[in-house]
């Protein structure tokens, strides 16, 4: 973060999944762990209302469990995109096309927004 000039604005923490965050009023959260659904409730409790959360998950089953965990924790605007790495052949005269052989990596990037807590008596 320091090399990117964000050292004063970004803080990284290493916690056990589900452990309360040591800070509150967090503007954004990025989780990259095998079972992120175990940490999303603690993340939401630390986040300001409307703050973005992002998860990186490598399998479809983890994607499904992550969506369920986010919904259960009260997140909204939950979306996922597939990240696919594929080498490209770039030739000056012949043009550009994908490599003949795909040895790639797929993961899913999940985004969601923390929702404000409801006030008593307000639906």
Protein backbone atom coordinates (compact mmCIF):
# COMPACT_ATOMS: atom_id res chain seq x y z
CA UNK A 1 0.00 0.00 0.00
CA UNK A 2 2.88 2.35 0.75
CA UNK A 3 4.36 1.88 -2.75
CA UNK A 4 0.97 2.79 -4.24
CA UNK A 5 0.87 5.95 -2.11
CA UNK A 6 -2.02 4.66 0.01
CA UNK A 7 -0.15 3.92 3.23
CA UNK A 8 -1.92 6.74 5.08
CA UNK A 9 -5.37 5.73 3.83
CA UNK A 10 -5.39 1.90 3.90
CA UNK A 11 -4.96 -0.40 6.84
CA UNK A 12 -4.49 -4.13 6.59
CA UNK A 13 -5.28 -6.62 9.33
CA UNK A 14 -4.84 -10.36 9.74
CA UNK A 15 -7.73 -11.80 11.76
CA UNK A 16 -9.38 -15.15 12.27
CA UNK A 17 -12.63 -15.51 10.31
CA UNK A 18 -15.55 -14.25 12.38
CA UNK A 19 -13.34 -12.42 14.88
CA UNK A 20 -14.59 -8.86 15.54
CA UNK A 21 -12.69 -6.18 13.68
CA UNK A 22 -10.44 -4.05 15.93
CA UNK A 23 -11.76 -0.87 14.27
CA UNK A 24 -15.17 0.60 13.47
CA UNK A 25 -16.35 3.11 10.91
CA UNK A 26 -14.54 1.25 8.13
CA UNK A 27 -15.06 2.69 4.63
CA UNK A 28 -14.47 -0.55 2.68
CA UNK A 29 -13.50 -4.19 3.26
CA UNK A 30 -11.76 -6.73 1.03
CA UNK A 31 -11.71 -10.37 2.16
CA UNK A 32 -9.59 -13.08 0.56
CA UNK A 33 -9.94 -16.25 2.62
CA UNK A 34 -11.24 -19.79 2.10
CA UNK A 35 -14.54 -19.26 3.95
CA UNK A 36 -15.38 -15.56 3.68
CA UNK A 37 -19.00 -16.13 4.73
CA UNK A 38 -17.66 -16.69 8.26
CA UNK A 39 -16.26 -13.15 8.34
CA UNK A 40 -18.93 -11.06 6.59
CA UNK A 41 -21.05 -10.41 9.71
CA UNK A 42 -18.02 -9.07 11.62
CA UNK A 43 -17.11 -6.98 8.57
CA UNK A 44 -20.59 -5.47 8.38
CA UNK A 45 -20.51 -4.56 12.06
CA UNK A 46 -17.26 -2.64 11.47
CA UNK A 47 -18.40 -0.88 8.28
CA UNK A 48 -20.17 2.43 7.83
CA UNK A 49 -23.63 2.08 6.22
CA UNK A 50 -23.42 1.79 2.44
CA UNK A 51 -19.71 0.89 2.44
CA UNK A 52 -18.54 -1.59 -0.21
CA UNK A 53 -17.28 -5.08 0.54
CA UNK A 54 -15.40 -7.31 -1.90
CA UNK A 55 -14.64 -11.01 -1.70
CA UNK A 56 -12.35 -13.12 -3.86
CA UNK A 57 -13.48 -16.75 -4.06
CA UNK A 58 -12.05 -19.48 -6.31
CA UNK A 59 -14.93 -21.98 -6.62
CA UNK A 60 -18.62 -21.95 -7.50
CA UNK A 61 -19.50 -23.67 -4.21
CA UNK A 62 -17.68 -20.95 -2.27
CA UNK A 63 -19.51 -18.38 -4.39
CA UNK A 64 -22.86 -19.89 -3.42
CA UNK A 65 -21.98 -20.00 0.28
CA UNK A 66 -20.65 -16.44 0.13
CA UNK A 67 -23.92 -15.15 -1.35
CA UNK A 68 -25.88 -16.88 1.41
CA UNK A 69 -23.59 -15.46 4.09
CA UNK A 70 -23.85 -11.95 2.68
CA UNK A 71 -27.65 -12.14 2.54
CA UNK A 72 -27.82 -13.50 6.10
CA UNK A 73 -25.53 -10.71 7.33
CA UNK A 74 -27.77 -8.02 5.80
CA UNK A 75 -25.74 -6.97 2.77
CA UNK A 76 -27.45 -5.67 -0.35
CA UNK A 77 -26.58 -5.20 -4.04
CA UNK A 78 -24.72 -8.51 -4.04
CA UNK A 79 -23.11 -9.27 -7.40
CA UNK A 80 -20.41 -11.54 -8.77
CA UNK A 81 -18.20 -11.49 -11.84
CA UNK A 82 -15.93 -14.23 -13.10
CA UNK A 83 -12.27 -13.36 -13.39
CA UNK A 84 -10.57 -15.33 -16.11
CA UNK A 85 -6.88 -15.20 -16.90
CA UNK A 86 -6.00 -16.18 -20.45
CA UNK A 87 -2.82 -15.42 -22.35
CA UNK A 88 -3.13 -13.39 -25.53
CA UNK A 89 -0.92 -13.59 -28.61
CA UNK A 90 -0.04 -10.11 -29.78
CA UNK A 91 1.72 -10.00 -33.11
CA UNK A 92 2.57 -6.77 -34.82
CA UNK A 93 1.53 -7.76 -38.35
CA UNK A 94 -0.75 -10.78 -37.84
CA UNK A 95 -3.00 -9.29 -35.19
CA UNK A 96 -4.19 -10.25 -31.73
CA UNK A 97 -5.95 -13.42 -30.63
CA UNK A 98 -6.18 -15.76 -27.64
CA UNK A 99 -3.44 -18.35 -27.21
CA UNK A 100 -4.18 -21.75 -28.77
CA UNK A 101 -3.83 -23.46 -25.43
CA UNK A 102 -5.64 -22.15 -22.41
CA UNK A 103 -3.95 -22.84 -19.13
CA UNK A 104 -5.76 -20.34 -17.02
CA UNK A 105 -7.14 -19.44 -13.68
CA UNK A 106 -10.72 -18.62 -12.79
CA UNK A 107 -11.99 -16.92 -9.66
CA UNK A 108 -15.04 -14.92 -8.71
CA UNK A 109 -15.04 -11.34 -7.48
CA UNK A 110 -18.07 -10.65 -5.31
CA UNK A 111 -19.21 -7.15 -4.39
CA UNK A 112 -21.86 -6.05 -1.93
CA UNK A 113 -22.92 -3.00 0.09
CA UNK A 114 -23.45 -2.84 3.82
CA UNK A 115 -27.01 -1.78 4.52
CA UNK A 116 -27.84 0.67 7.26
CA UNK A 117 -29.37 -0.90 10.35
CA UNK A 118 -33.12 -0.39 10.54
CA UNK A 119 -34.45 1.98 13.14
CA UNK A 120 -36.92 0.62 15.65
CA UNK A 121 -40.43 0.69 14.22
CA UNK A 122 -39.29 1.45 10.65
CA UNK A 123 -39.95 -1.35 8.11
